[in-house]
PDB file of N, CA and C in Angstrom:
ATOM      1  N   MET A   1      -6.445   9.214 -21.023  1.00  0.00           N
ATOM      2  CA  MET A   1      -6.707  10.059 -19.881  1.00  0.00           C
ATOM      3  C   MET A   1      -6.646   9.202 -18.619  1.00  0.00           C
ATOM      4  N   ASN A   2      -6.086   9.749 -17.552  1.00  0.00           N
ATOM      5  CA  ASN A   2      -5.980   9.032 -16.292  1.00  0.00           C
ATOM      6  C   ASN A   2      -7.294   9.079 -15.526  1.00  0.00           C
ATOM      7  N   HIS A   3      -7.646   7.952 -14.921  1.00  0.00           N
ATOM      8  CA  HIS A   3      -8.861   7.862 -14.126  1.00  0.00           C
ATOM      9  C   HIS A   3      -8.558   7.089 -12.864  1.00  0.00           C
ATOM     10  N   LEU A   4      -9.252   7.422 -11.802  1.00  0.00           N
ATOM     11  CA  LEU A   4      -9.186   6.681 -10.551  1.00  0.00           C
ATOM     12  C   LEU A   4     -10.545   6.041 -10.338  1.00  0.00           C
ATOM     13  N   HIS A   5     -10.557   4.725 -10.209  1.00  0.00           N
ATOM     14  CA  HIS A   5     -11.805   3.991  -9.975  1.00  0.00           C
ATOM     15  C   HIS A   5     -11.787   3.481  -8.549  1.00  0.00           C
ATOM     16  N   PHE A   6     -12.912   3.562  -7.878  1.00  0.00           N
ATOM     17  CA  PHE A   6     -13.047   3.070  -6.519  1.00  0.00           C
ATOM     18  C   PHE A   6     -14.047   1.933  -6.520  1.00  0.00           C
ATOM     19  N   GLY A   7     -13.648   0.776  -5.982  1.00  0.00           N
ATOM     20  CA  GLY A   7     -14.572  -0.344  -5.895  1.00  0.00           C
ATOM     21  C   GLY A   7     -13.839  -1.654  -6.035  1.00  0.00           C
ATOM     22  N   ASP A   8     -14.589  -2.712  -6.141  1.00  0.00           N
ATOM     23  CA  ASP A   8     -14.015  -4.041  -6.319  1.00  0.00           C
ATOM     24  C   ASP A   8     -13.280  -4.085  -7.654  1.00  0.00           C
ATOM     25  N   ASN A   9     -11.989  -4.431  -7.612  1.00  0.00           N
ATOM     26  CA  ASN A   9     -11.180  -4.311  -8.828  1.00  0.00           C
ATOM     27  C   ASN A   9     -11.667  -5.205  -9.965  1.00  0.00           C
ATOM     28  N   LEU A  10     -12.128  -6.399  -9.671  1.00  0.00           N
ATOM     29  CA  LEU A  10     -12.573  -7.293 -10.738  1.00  0.00           C
ATOM     30  C   LEU A  10     -13.834  -6.740 -11.411  1.00  0.00           C
ATOM     31  N   ARG A  11     -14.766  -6.225 -10.620  1.00  0.00           N
ATOM     32  CA  ARG A  11     -15.990  -5.647 -11.192  1.00  0.00           C
ATOM     33  C   ARG A  11     -15.653  -4.419 -12.038  1.00  0.00           C
ATOM     34  N   VAL A  12     -14.778  -3.545 -11.517  1.00  0.00           N
ATOM     35  CA  VAL A  12     -14.400  -2.344 -12.266  1.00  0.00           C
ATOM     36  C   VAL A  12     -13.729  -2.727 -13.580  1.00  0.00           C
ATOM     37  N   LEU A  13     -12.809  -3.692 -13.538  1.00  0.00           N
ATOM     38  CA  LEU A  13     -12.132  -4.107 -14.764  1.00  0.00           C
ATOM     39  C   LEU A  13     -13.109  -4.661 -15.795  1.00  0.00           C
ATOM     40  N   ARG A  14     -14.042  -5.471 -15.339  1.00  0.00           N
ATOM     41  CA  ARG A  14     -14.993  -6.083 -16.277  1.00  0.00           C
ATOM     42  C   ARG A  14     -16.009  -5.089 -16.827  1.00  0.00           C
ATOM     43  N   GLU A  15     -16.462  -4.146 -15.985  1.00  0.00           N
ATOM     44  CA  GLU A  15     -17.563  -3.268 -16.374  1.00  0.00           C
ATOM     45  C   GLU A  15     -17.139  -1.895 -16.890  1.00  0.00           C
ATOM     46  N   SER A  16     -15.940  -1.433 -16.532  1.00  0.00           N
ATOM     47  CA  SER A  16     -15.593  -0.044 -16.834  1.00  0.00           C
ATOM     48  C   SER A  16     -14.337   0.142 -17.669  1.00  0.00           C
ATOM     49  N   ILE A  17     -13.561  -0.899 -17.866  1.00  0.00           N
ATOM     50  CA  ILE A  17     -12.275  -0.768 -18.545  1.00  0.00           C
ATOM     51  C   ILE A  17     -12.311  -1.571 -19.849  1.00  0.00           C
ATOM     52  N   ALA A  18     -11.999  -0.928 -20.950  1.00  0.00           N
ATOM     53  CA  ALA A  18     -11.981  -1.622 -22.249  1.00  0.00           C
ATOM     54  C   ALA A  18     -10.814  -2.611 -22.292  1.00  0.00           C
ATOM     55  N   ASP A  19     -10.996  -3.723 -22.957  1.00  0.00           N
ATOM     56  CA  ASP A  19      -9.931  -4.718 -23.118  1.00  0.00           C
ATOM     57  C   ASP A  19      -8.704  -4.090 -23.772  1.00  0.00           C
ATOM     58  N   ALA A  20      -7.517  -4.515 -23.350  1.00  0.00           N
ATOM     59  CA  ALA A  20      -6.227  -4.085 -23.920  1.00  0.00           C
ATOM     60  C   ALA A  20      -6.024  -2.575 -23.834  1.00  0.00           C
ATOM     61  N   SER A  21      -6.566  -1.937 -22.789  1.00  0.00           N
ATOM     62  CA  SER A  21      -6.432  -0.488 -22.685  1.00  0.00           C
ATOM     63  C   SER A  21      -5.703  -0.028 -21.421  1.00  0.00           C
ATOM     64  N   VAL A  22      -5.188  -0.952 -20.635  1.00  0.00           N
ATOM     65  CA  VAL A  22      -4.571  -0.598 -19.361  1.00  0.00           C
ATOM     66  C   VAL A  22      -3.066  -0.768 -19.442  1.00  0.00           C
ATOM     67  N   ASP A  23      -2.334   0.280 -19.026  1.00  0.00           N
ATOM     68  CA  ASP A  23      -0.882   0.211 -18.956  1.00  0.00           C
ATOM     69  C   ASP A  23      -0.395  -0.165 -17.557  1.00  0.00           C
ATOM     70  N   LEU A  24      -1.124   0.260 -16.525  1.00  0.00           N
ATOM     71  CA  LEU A  24      -0.686   0.026 -15.153  1.00  0.00           C
ATOM     72  C   LEU A  24      -1.888  -0.028 -14.232  1.00  0.00           C
ATOM     73  N   ILE A  25      -1.872  -1.003 -13.331  1.00  0.00           N
ATOM     74  CA  ILE A  25      -2.848  -1.062 -12.244  1.00  0.00           C
ATOM     75  C   ILE A  25      -2.046  -1.098 -10.959  1.00  0.00           C
ATOM     76  N   TYR A  26      -2.304  -0.152 -10.078  1.00  0.00           N
ATOM     77  CA  TYR A  26      -1.603  -0.094  -8.802  1.00  0.00           C
ATOM     78  C   TYR A  26      -2.608  -0.357  -7.698  1.00  0.00           C
ATOM     79  N   LEU A  27      -2.388  -1.420  -6.963  1.00  0.00           N
ATOM     80  CA  LEU A  27      -3.259  -1.749  -5.838  1.00  0.00           C
ATOM     81  C   LEU A  27      -2.498  -1.470  -4.557  1.00  0.00           C
ATOM     82  N   ASP A  28      -3.057  -0.639  -3.730  1.00  0.00           N
ATOM     83  CA  ASP A  28      -2.423  -0.283  -2.474  1.00  0.00           C
ATOM     84  C   ASP A  28      -3.023  -1.149  -1.373  1.00  0.00           C
ATOM     85  N   PRO A  29      -2.186  -1.869  -0.646  1.00  0.00           N
ATOM     86  CA  PRO A  29      -2.734  -2.748   0.398  1.00  0.00           C
ATOM     87  C   PRO A  29      -3.301  -1.926   1.553  1.00  0.00           C
ATOM     88  N   PRO A  30      -4.118  -2.556   2.363  1.00  0.00           N
ATOM     89  CA  PRO A  30      -4.607  -1.845   3.548  1.00  0.00           C
ATOM     90  C   PRO A  30      -3.442  -1.450   4.445  1.00  0.00           C
ATOM     91  N   PHE A  31      -3.575  -0.343   5.105  1.00  0.00           N
ATOM     92  CA  PHE A  31      -2.556   0.091   6.037  1.00  0.00           C
ATOM     93  C   PHE A  31      -2.971  -0.254   7.451  1.00  0.00           C
ATOM     94  N   ASN A  32      -1.997  -0.254   8.335  1.00  0.00           N
ATOM     95  CA  ASN A  32      -2.195  -0.549   9.744  1.00  0.00           C
ATOM     96  C   ASN A  32      -2.803  -1.935   9.941  1.00  0.00           C
ATOM     97  N   SER A  33      -2.244  -2.919   9.278  1.00  0.00           N
ATOM     98  CA  SER A  33      -2.701  -4.301   9.444  1.00  0.00           C
ATOM     99  C   SER A  33      -2.212  -4.871  10.771  1.00  0.00           C
ATOM    100  N   ASN A  34      -1.335  -4.133  11.449  1.00  0.00           N
ATOM    101  CA  ASN A  34      -0.771  -4.540  12.727  1.00  0.00           C
ATOM    102  C   ASN A  34      -0.063  -5.894  12.613  1.00  0.00           C
ATOM    103  N   ALA A  35       0.661  -6.055  11.515  1.00  0.00           N
ATOM    104  CA  ALA A  35       1.371  -7.306  11.273  1.00  0.00           C
ATOM    105  C   ALA A  35       2.784  -7.015  10.793  1.00  0.00           C
ATOM    106  N   SER A  36       3.651  -7.984  10.962  1.00  0.00           N
ATOM    107  CA  SER A  36       5.003  -7.913  10.417  1.00  0.00           C
ATOM    108  C   SER A  36       5.049  -8.802   9.185  1.00  0.00           C
ATOM    109  N   TYR A  37       5.704  -8.328   8.139  1.00  0.00           N
ATOM    110  CA  TYR A  37       5.784  -9.083   6.894  1.00  0.00           C
ATOM    111  C   TYR A  37       7.231  -9.485   6.654  1.00  0.00           C
ATOM    112  N   ASN A  38       7.430 -10.728   6.285  1.00  0.00           N
ATOM    113  CA  ASN A  38       8.765 -11.280   6.102  1.00  0.00           C
ATOM    114  C   ASN A  38       8.987 -11.735   4.670  1.00  0.00           C
ATOM    115  N   VAL A  39      10.251 -11.723   4.271  1.00  0.00           N
ATOM    116  CA  VAL A  39      10.655 -12.302   2.996  1.00  0.00           C
ATOM    117  C   VAL A  39      11.058 -13.738   3.299  1.00  0.00           C
ATOM    118  N   LEU A  40      10.420 -14.695   2.652  1.00  0.00           N
ATOM    119  CA  LEU A  40      10.727 -16.106   2.864  1.00  0.00           C
ATOM    120  C   LEU A  40      11.636 -16.590   1.747  1.00  0.00           C
ATOM    121  N   PHE A  41      12.601 -17.402   2.097  1.00  0.00           N
ATOM    122  CA  PHE A  41      13.567 -17.891   1.127  1.00  0.00           C
ATOM    123  C   PHE A  41      13.346 -19.365   0.842  1.00  0.00           C
ATOM    124  N   LYS A  42      13.779 -19.801  -0.324  1.00  0.00           N
ATOM    125  CA  LYS A  42      13.751 -21.213  -0.714  1.00  0.00           C
ATOM    126  C   LYS A  42      15.156 -21.784  -0.599  1.00  0.00           C
ATOM    127  N   GLY A  43      15.233 -23.078  -0.385  1.00  0.00           N
ATOM    128  CA  GLY A  43      16.518 -23.754  -0.355  1.00  0.00           C
ATOM    129  C   GLY A  43      17.066 -23.917  -1.764  1.00  0.00           C
ATOM    130  N   PRO A  44      18.302 -24.394  -1.897  1.00  0.00           N
ATOM    131  CA  PRO A  44      18.932 -24.562  -3.218  1.00  0.00           C
ATOM    132  C   PRO A  44      18.135 -25.456  -4.163  1.00  0.00           C
ATOM    133  N   GLU A  45      17.398 -26.384  -3.602  1.00  0.00           N
ATOM    134  CA  GLU A  45      16.597 -27.292  -4.428  1.00  0.00           C
ATOM    135  C   GLU A  45      15.220 -26.720  -4.749  1.00  0.00           C
ATOM    136  N   GLY A  46      14.955 -25.516  -4.286  1.00  0.00           N
ATOM    137  CA  GLY A  46      13.644 -24.907  -4.500  1.00  0.00           C
ATOM    138  C   GLY A  46      12.635 -25.284  -3.430  1.00  0.00           C
ATOM    139  N   THR A  47      13.077 -25.978  -2.398  1.00  0.00           N
ATOM    140  CA  THR A  47      12.186 -26.385  -1.317  1.00  0.00           C
ATOM    141  C   THR A  47      12.092 -25.267  -0.278  1.00  0.00           C
ATOM    142  N   ASP A  48      11.052 -25.324   0.535  1.00  0.00           N
ATOM    143  CA  ASP A  48      10.876 -24.323   1.578  1.00  0.00           C
ATOM    144  C   ASP A  48      12.055 -24.329   2.534  1.00  0.00           C
ATOM    145  N   SER A  49      12.376 -23.141   3.041  1.00  0.00           N
ATOM    146  CA  SER A  49      13.471 -22.973   3.985  1.00  0.00           C
ATOM    147  C   SER A  49      12.955 -22.226   5.201  1.00  0.00           C
ATOM    148  N   GLN A  50      13.606 -22.410   6.331  1.00  0.00           N
ATOM    149  CA  GLN A  50      13.243 -21.668   7.532  1.00  0.00           C
ATOM    150  C   GLN A  50      13.813 -20.245   7.499  1.00  0.00           C
ATOM    151  N   ALA A  51      14.696 -19.960   6.538  1.00  0.00           N
ATOM    152  CA  ALA A  51      15.345 -18.654   6.461  1.00  0.00           C
ATOM    153  C   ALA A  51      14.339 -17.577   6.062  1.00  0.00           C
ATOM    154  N   GLN A  52      14.367 -16.475   6.778  1.00  0.00           N
ATOM    155  CA  GLN A  52      13.512 -15.343   6.454  1.00  0.00           C
ATOM    156  C   GLN A  52      14.083 -14.088   7.107  1.00  0.00           C
ATOM    157  N   ILE A  53      13.727 -12.957   6.542  1.00  0.00           N
ATOM    158  CA  ILE A  53      14.095 -11.683   7.143  1.00  0.00           C
ATOM    159  C   ILE A  53      12.843 -10.809   7.171  1.00  0.00           C
ATOM    160  N   GLU A  54      12.800  -9.867   8.105  1.00  0.00           N
ATOM    161  CA  GLU A  54      11.653  -8.981   8.186  1.00  0.00           C
ATOM    162  C   GLU A  54      11.722  -7.963   7.057  1.00  0.00           C
ATOM    163  N   ALA A  55      10.660  -7.880   6.271  1.00  0.00           N
ATOM    164  CA  ALA A  55      10.599  -6.921   5.172  1.00  0.00           C
ATOM    165  C   ALA A  55      10.117  -5.568   5.691  1.00  0.00           C
ATOM    166  N   PHE A  56       9.018  -5.568   6.428  1.00  0.00           N
ATOM    167  CA  PHE A  56       8.536  -4.335   7.052  1.00  0.00           C
ATOM    168  C   PHE A  56       7.514  -4.665   8.117  1.00  0.00           C
ATOM    169  N   ASP A  57       7.319  -3.721   8.995  1.00  0.00           N
ATOM    170  CA  ASP A  57       6.366  -3.840  10.087  1.00  0.00           C
ATOM    171  C   ASP A  57       5.248  -2.842   9.826  1.00  0.00           C
ATOM    172  N   ASP A  58       4.023  -3.318   9.687  1.00  0.00           N
ATOM    173  CA  ASP A  58       2.894  -2.452   9.355  1.00  0.00           C
ATOM    174  C   ASP A  58       2.033  -2.208  10.598  1.00  0.00           C
ATOM    175  N   ALA A  59       2.588  -1.486  11.528  1.00  0.00           N
ATOM    176  CA  ALA A  59       1.849  -1.104  12.727  1.00  0.00           C
ATOM    177  C   ALA A  59       2.009   0.405  12.883  1.00  0.00           C
ATOM    178  N   TRP A  60       0.926   1.096  12.984  1.00  0.00           N
ATOM    179  CA  TRP A  60       0.955   2.548  13.027  1.00  0.00           C
ATOM    180  C   TRP A  60       0.547   2.998  14.411  1.00  0.00           C
ATOM    181  N   HIS A  61       1.251   3.980  14.924  1.00  0.00           N
ATOM    182  CA  HIS A  61       0.978   4.476  16.268  1.00  0.00           C
ATOM    183  C   HIS A  61       0.715   5.979  16.190  1.00  0.00           C
ATOM    184  N   TRP A  62      -0.363   6.429  16.824  1.00  0.00           N
ATOM    185  CA  TRP A  62      -0.695   7.845  16.846  1.00  0.00           C
ATOM    186  C   TRP A  62       0.151   8.506  17.918  1.00  0.00           C
ATOM    187  N   THR A  63       1.092   9.325  17.484  1.00  0.00           N
ATOM    188  CA  THR A  63       2.012   9.987  18.393  1.00  0.00           C
ATOM    189  C   THR A  63       1.790  11.497  18.339  1.00  0.00           C
ATOM    190  N   GLN A  64       2.495  12.222  19.181  1.00  0.00           N
ATOM    191  CA  GLN A  64       2.415  13.678  19.150  1.00  0.00           C
ATOM    192  C   GLN A  64       2.845  14.209  17.783  1.00  0.00           C
ATOM    193  N   SER A  65       3.860  13.594  17.203  1.00  0.00           N
ATOM    194  CA  SER A  65       4.326  14.003  15.879  1.00  0.00           C
ATOM    195  C   SER A  65       3.230  13.802  14.829  1.00  0.00           C
ATOM    196  N   ALA A  66       2.531  12.676  14.884  1.00  0.00           N
ATOM    197  CA  ALA A  66       1.431  12.430  13.944  1.00  0.00           C
ATOM    198  C   ALA A  66       0.316  13.450  14.149  1.00  0.00           C
ATOM    199  N   GLU A  67       0.034  13.782  15.389  1.00  0.00           N
ATOM    200  CA  GLU A  67      -0.986  14.787  15.704  1.00  0.00           C
ATOM    201  C   GLU A  67      -0.624  16.140  15.093  1.00  0.00           C
ATOM    202  N   GLU A  68       0.646  16.512  15.193  1.00  0.00           N
ATOM    203  CA  GLU A  68       1.099  17.791  14.646  1.00  0.00           C
ATOM    204  C   GLU A  68       1.004  17.815  13.124  1.00  0.00           C
ATOM    205  N   VAL A  69       1.392  16.723  12.475  1.00  0.00           N
ATOM    206  CA  VAL A  69       1.315  16.657  11.014  1.00  0.00           C
ATOM    207  C   VAL A  69      -0.133  16.722  10.554  1.00  0.00           C
ATOM    208  N   GLU A  70      -1.018  15.985  11.221  1.00  0.00           N
ATOM    209  CA  GLU A  70      -2.429  16.025  10.840  1.00  0.00           C
ATOM    210  C   GLU A  70      -2.983  17.437  11.002  1.00  0.00           C
ATOM    211  N   GLY A  71      -2.682  18.075  12.123  1.00  0.00           N
ATOM    212  CA  GLY A  71      -3.169  19.434  12.344  1.00  0.00           C
ATOM    213  C   GLY A  71      -2.650  20.398  11.294  1.00  0.00           C
ATOM    214  N   CYS A  72      -1.398  20.215  10.916  1.00  0.00           N
ATOM    215  CA  CYS A  72      -0.793  21.055   9.894  1.00  0.00           C
ATOM    216  C   CYS A  72      -1.507  20.876   8.557  1.00  0.00           C
ATOM    217  N   TRP A  73      -1.748  19.639   8.156  1.00  0.00           N
ATOM    218  CA  TRP A  73      -2.413  19.390   6.874  1.00  0.00           C
ATOM    219  C   TRP A  73      -3.852  19.868   6.882  1.00  0.00           C
ATOM    220  N   LEU A  74      -4.525  19.635   8.007  1.00  0.00           N
ATOM    221  CA  LEU A  74      -5.924  20.041   8.065  1.00  0.00           C
ATOM    222  C   LEU A  74      -6.077  21.556   8.008  1.00  0.00           C
ATOM    223  N   SER A  75      -5.127  22.261   8.567  1.00  0.00           N
ATOM    224  CA  SER A  75      -5.228  23.718   8.570  1.00  0.00           C
ATOM    225  C   SER A  75      -4.564  24.344   7.347  1.00  0.00           C
ATOM    226  N   ARG A  76      -3.953  23.514   6.482  1.00  0.00           N
ATOM    227  CA  ARG A  76      -3.278  23.962   5.263  1.00  0.00           C
ATOM    228  C   ARG A  76      -2.062  24.843   5.539  1.00  0.00           C
ATOM    229  N   ARG A  77      -1.592  24.851   6.781  1.00  0.00           N
ATOM    230  CA  ARG A  77      -0.435  25.683   7.120  1.00  0.00           C
ATOM    231  C   ARG A  77       0.825  25.226   6.405  1.00  0.00           C
ATOM    232  N   CYS A  78       1.009  23.920   6.260  1.00  0.00           N
ATOM    233  CA  CYS A  78       2.287  23.473   5.723  1.00  0.00           C
ATOM    234  C   CYS A  78       2.175  22.923   4.312  1.00  0.00           C
ATOM    235  N   ARG A  79       1.053  23.021   3.663  1.00  0.00           N
ATOM    236  CA  ARG A  79       0.939  22.493   2.295  1.00  0.00           C
ATOM    237  C   ARG A  79       1.885  23.195   1.338  1.00  0.00           C
ATOM    238  N   ALA A  80       2.194  24.429   1.601  1.00  0.00           N
ATOM    239  CA  ALA A  80       3.117  25.164   0.726  1.00  0.00           C
ATOM    240  C   ALA A  80       4.540  24.659   0.879  1.00  0.00           C
ATOM    241  N   HIS A  81       4.833  23.945   1.956  1.00  0.00           N
ATOM    242  CA  HIS A  81       6.188  23.470   2.225  1.00  0.00           C
ATOM    243  C   HIS A  81       6.452  22.074   1.669  1.00  0.00           C
ATOM    244  N   VAL A  82       5.470  21.454   1.091  1.00  0.00           N
ATOM    245  CA  VAL A  82       5.634  20.072   0.591  1.00  0.00           C
ATOM    246  C   VAL A  82       5.873  20.093  -0.895  1.00  0.00           C
TER     247      VAL A  82
END
């Protein structure tokens, strides 16, 4: 049976989950960290390289569009459309 546990993952694993009983653990990082995350590359010898590319930017901005979506979800007007 599927369960959602809320709390410190190490404590939950030790106290609430039987050994050898987990197929998947998904940890969702905090959102709106206001940071850019890059993929760092290694050189041919496995040494650090200056090469990197931006993987994603985790900065969230409250816009008119976000306001409209929140209002829609809160009022349940558009839940039937998802």
